[in-house]
């Protein structure tokens, strides 16, 4: 299984290496959001057929009724150390917002990107 929210070259690389019966979950395509030539799909999508794989969209809002359950589970896992939170904090105030936002799309952060104001 591959959970993708990048798209573009990363998705194409994954499709080229699928196992038989693989499942690809698409939650976003950050590499395609600000292209000047328009978003493009994977050129090698036929690998889904050859590998008898499937690709499905995932939208978190479809699970809104389970948000309280997820919040409780995630908080417990964070407290227990089963998961960790990574953050990139940028100082600079509100004037740094445009550059900080563009950094998000350029992969300049690890984990959650936070702008300190």
Protein backbone atom coordinates (compact mmCIF):
# COMPACT_ATOMS: atom_id res chain seq x y z
CA UNK A 1 0.00 0.00 0.00
CA UNK A 2 1.21 3.50 -0.81
CA UNK A 3 -0.39 6.66 0.61
CA UNK A 4 0.32 9.57 -1.73
CA UNK A 5 -0.20 13.28 -1.22
CA UNK A 6 2.66 14.43 -3.46
CA UNK A 7 1.81 13.16 -6.96
CA UNK A 8 4.00 13.93 -9.97
CA UNK A 9 7.38 12.22 -10.23
CA UNK A 10 7.00 10.50 -6.85
CA UNK A 11 3.74 8.83 -7.87
CA UNK A 12 5.24 7.79 -11.21
CA UNK A 13 8.23 6.21 -9.43
CA UNK A 14 5.90 4.28 -7.14
CA UNK A 15 3.70 3.06 -10.00
CA UNK A 16 6.82 1.74 -11.75
CA UNK A 17 7.56 -0.46 -8.73
CA UNK A 18 4.14 -1.74 -7.68
CA UNK A 19 3.71 -5.20 -6.25
CA UNK A 20 0.94 -7.36 -7.66
CA UNK A 21 -2.36 -6.40 -6.02
CA UNK A 22 -0.96 -3.16 -4.59
CA UNK A 23 -3.24 -0.39 -3.39
CA UNK A 24 -2.45 3.28 -3.99
CA UNK A 25 -4.32 5.83 -1.90
CA UNK A 26 -4.37 9.40 -3.20
CA UNK A 27 -4.93 12.14 -0.64
CA UNK A 28 -3.36 15.09 -2.45
CA UNK A 29 -0.88 16.14 -5.10
CA UNK A 30 1.20 18.94 -3.59
CA UNK A 31 3.75 18.77 -6.43
CA UNK A 32 0.99 19.71 -8.88
CA UNK A 33 -0.75 22.55 -7.03
CA UNK A 34 1.26 25.48 -8.37
CA UNK A 35 2.44 24.28 -11.76
CA UNK A 36 2.35 26.80 -14.56
CA UNK A 37 1.67 24.10 -17.15
CA UNK A 38 -1.28 22.53 -15.34
CA UNK A 39 -1.52 19.36 -13.31
CA UNK A 40 -0.61 16.14 -15.06
CA UNK A 41 -1.46 12.57 -14.28
CA UNK A 42 1.02 9.71 -14.20
CA UNK A 43 2.20 8.66 -17.66
CA UNK A 44 2.66 5.07 -16.50
CA UNK A 45 -0.82 4.51 -15.06
CA UNK A 46 -1.06 1.25 -17.05
CA UNK A 47 1.08 -0.33 -14.32
CA UNK A 48 -2.16 -0.44 -12.31
CA UNK A 49 -3.53 -2.86 -14.91
CA UNK A 50 -0.36 -4.91 -15.33
CA UNK A 51 0.06 -5.31 -11.57
CA UNK A 52 -3.68 -5.78 -10.94
CA UNK A 53 -3.43 -2.83 -8.57
CA UNK A 54 -5.97 -0.21 -7.57
CA UNK A 55 -5.88 3.53 -6.96
CA UNK A 56 -8.46 5.19 -4.71
CA UNK A 57 -9.03 8.72 -3.50
CA UNK A 58 -9.08 9.48 0.23
CA UNK A 59 -10.71 12.63 1.61
CA UNK A 60 -10.44 13.09 5.37
CA UNK A 61 -13.81 14.87 5.55
CA UNK A 62 -15.48 11.56 4.72
CA UNK A 63 -14.50 10.47 8.24
CA UNK A 64 -15.59 13.60 10.14
CA UNK A 65 -17.83 11.55 12.44
CA UNK A 66 -14.71 9.75 13.73
CA UNK A 67 -12.63 12.88 14.46
CA UNK A 68 -13.16 12.63 18.26
CA UNK A 69 -12.03 9.00 18.24
CA UNK A 70 -8.98 9.85 16.13
CA UNK A 71 -8.07 12.81 18.34
CA UNK A 72 -8.21 10.66 21.48
CA UNK A 73 -6.14 7.85 19.90
CA UNK A 74 -3.51 10.20 18.48
CA UNK A 75 -3.17 12.12 21.78
CA UNK A 76 -2.66 8.85 23.67
CA UNK A 77 -0.09 7.61 21.16
CA UNK A 78 1.77 10.93 21.37
CA UNK A 79 1.81 10.78 25.20
CA UNK A 80 2.98 7.15 25.16
CA UNK A 81 5.75 7.88 22.66
CA UNK A 82 4.30 5.52 20.05
CA UNK A 83 4.31 8.44 17.62
CA UNK A 84 6.34 11.64 17.57
CA UNK A 85 5.57 15.09 16.24
CA UNK A 86 8.04 16.93 14.06
CA UNK A 87 7.77 20.64 13.49
CA UNK A 88 9.62 23.31 11.57
CA UNK A 89 9.14 26.69 13.22
CA UNK A 90 9.90 29.82 11.19
CA UNK A 91 10.40 33.10 13.04
CA UNK A 92 9.64 36.31 11.22
CA UNK A 93 6.08 37.27 11.93
CA UNK A 94 3.30 37.89 9.48
CA UNK A 95 5.61 39.52 6.92
CA UNK A 96 7.34 36.16 6.47
CA UNK A 97 4.07 34.43 5.52
CA UNK A 98 4.42 34.45 1.70
CA UNK A 99 7.97 33.06 1.74
CA UNK A 100 7.09 30.53 4.46
CA UNK A 101 4.06 29.27 2.51
CA UNK A 102 6.11 28.84 -0.64
CA UNK A 103 8.66 26.90 1.42
CA UNK A 104 5.91 24.39 2.20
CA UNK A 105 5.53 23.60 -1.49
CA UNK A 106 9.31 23.45 -1.98
CA UNK A 107 9.79 20.85 0.74
CA UNK A 108 11.75 23.15 3.05
CA UNK A 109 10.09 21.81 6.20
CA UNK A 110 10.02 18.59 8.16
CA UNK A 111 6.65 17.83 9.74
CA UNK A 112 4.22 20.59 10.56
CA UNK A 113 5.26 24.03 9.29
CA UNK A 114 4.60 26.74 11.87
CA UNK A 115 5.05 30.47 11.38
CA UNK A 116 5.73 32.22 14.70
CA UNK A 117 3.96 35.59 14.85
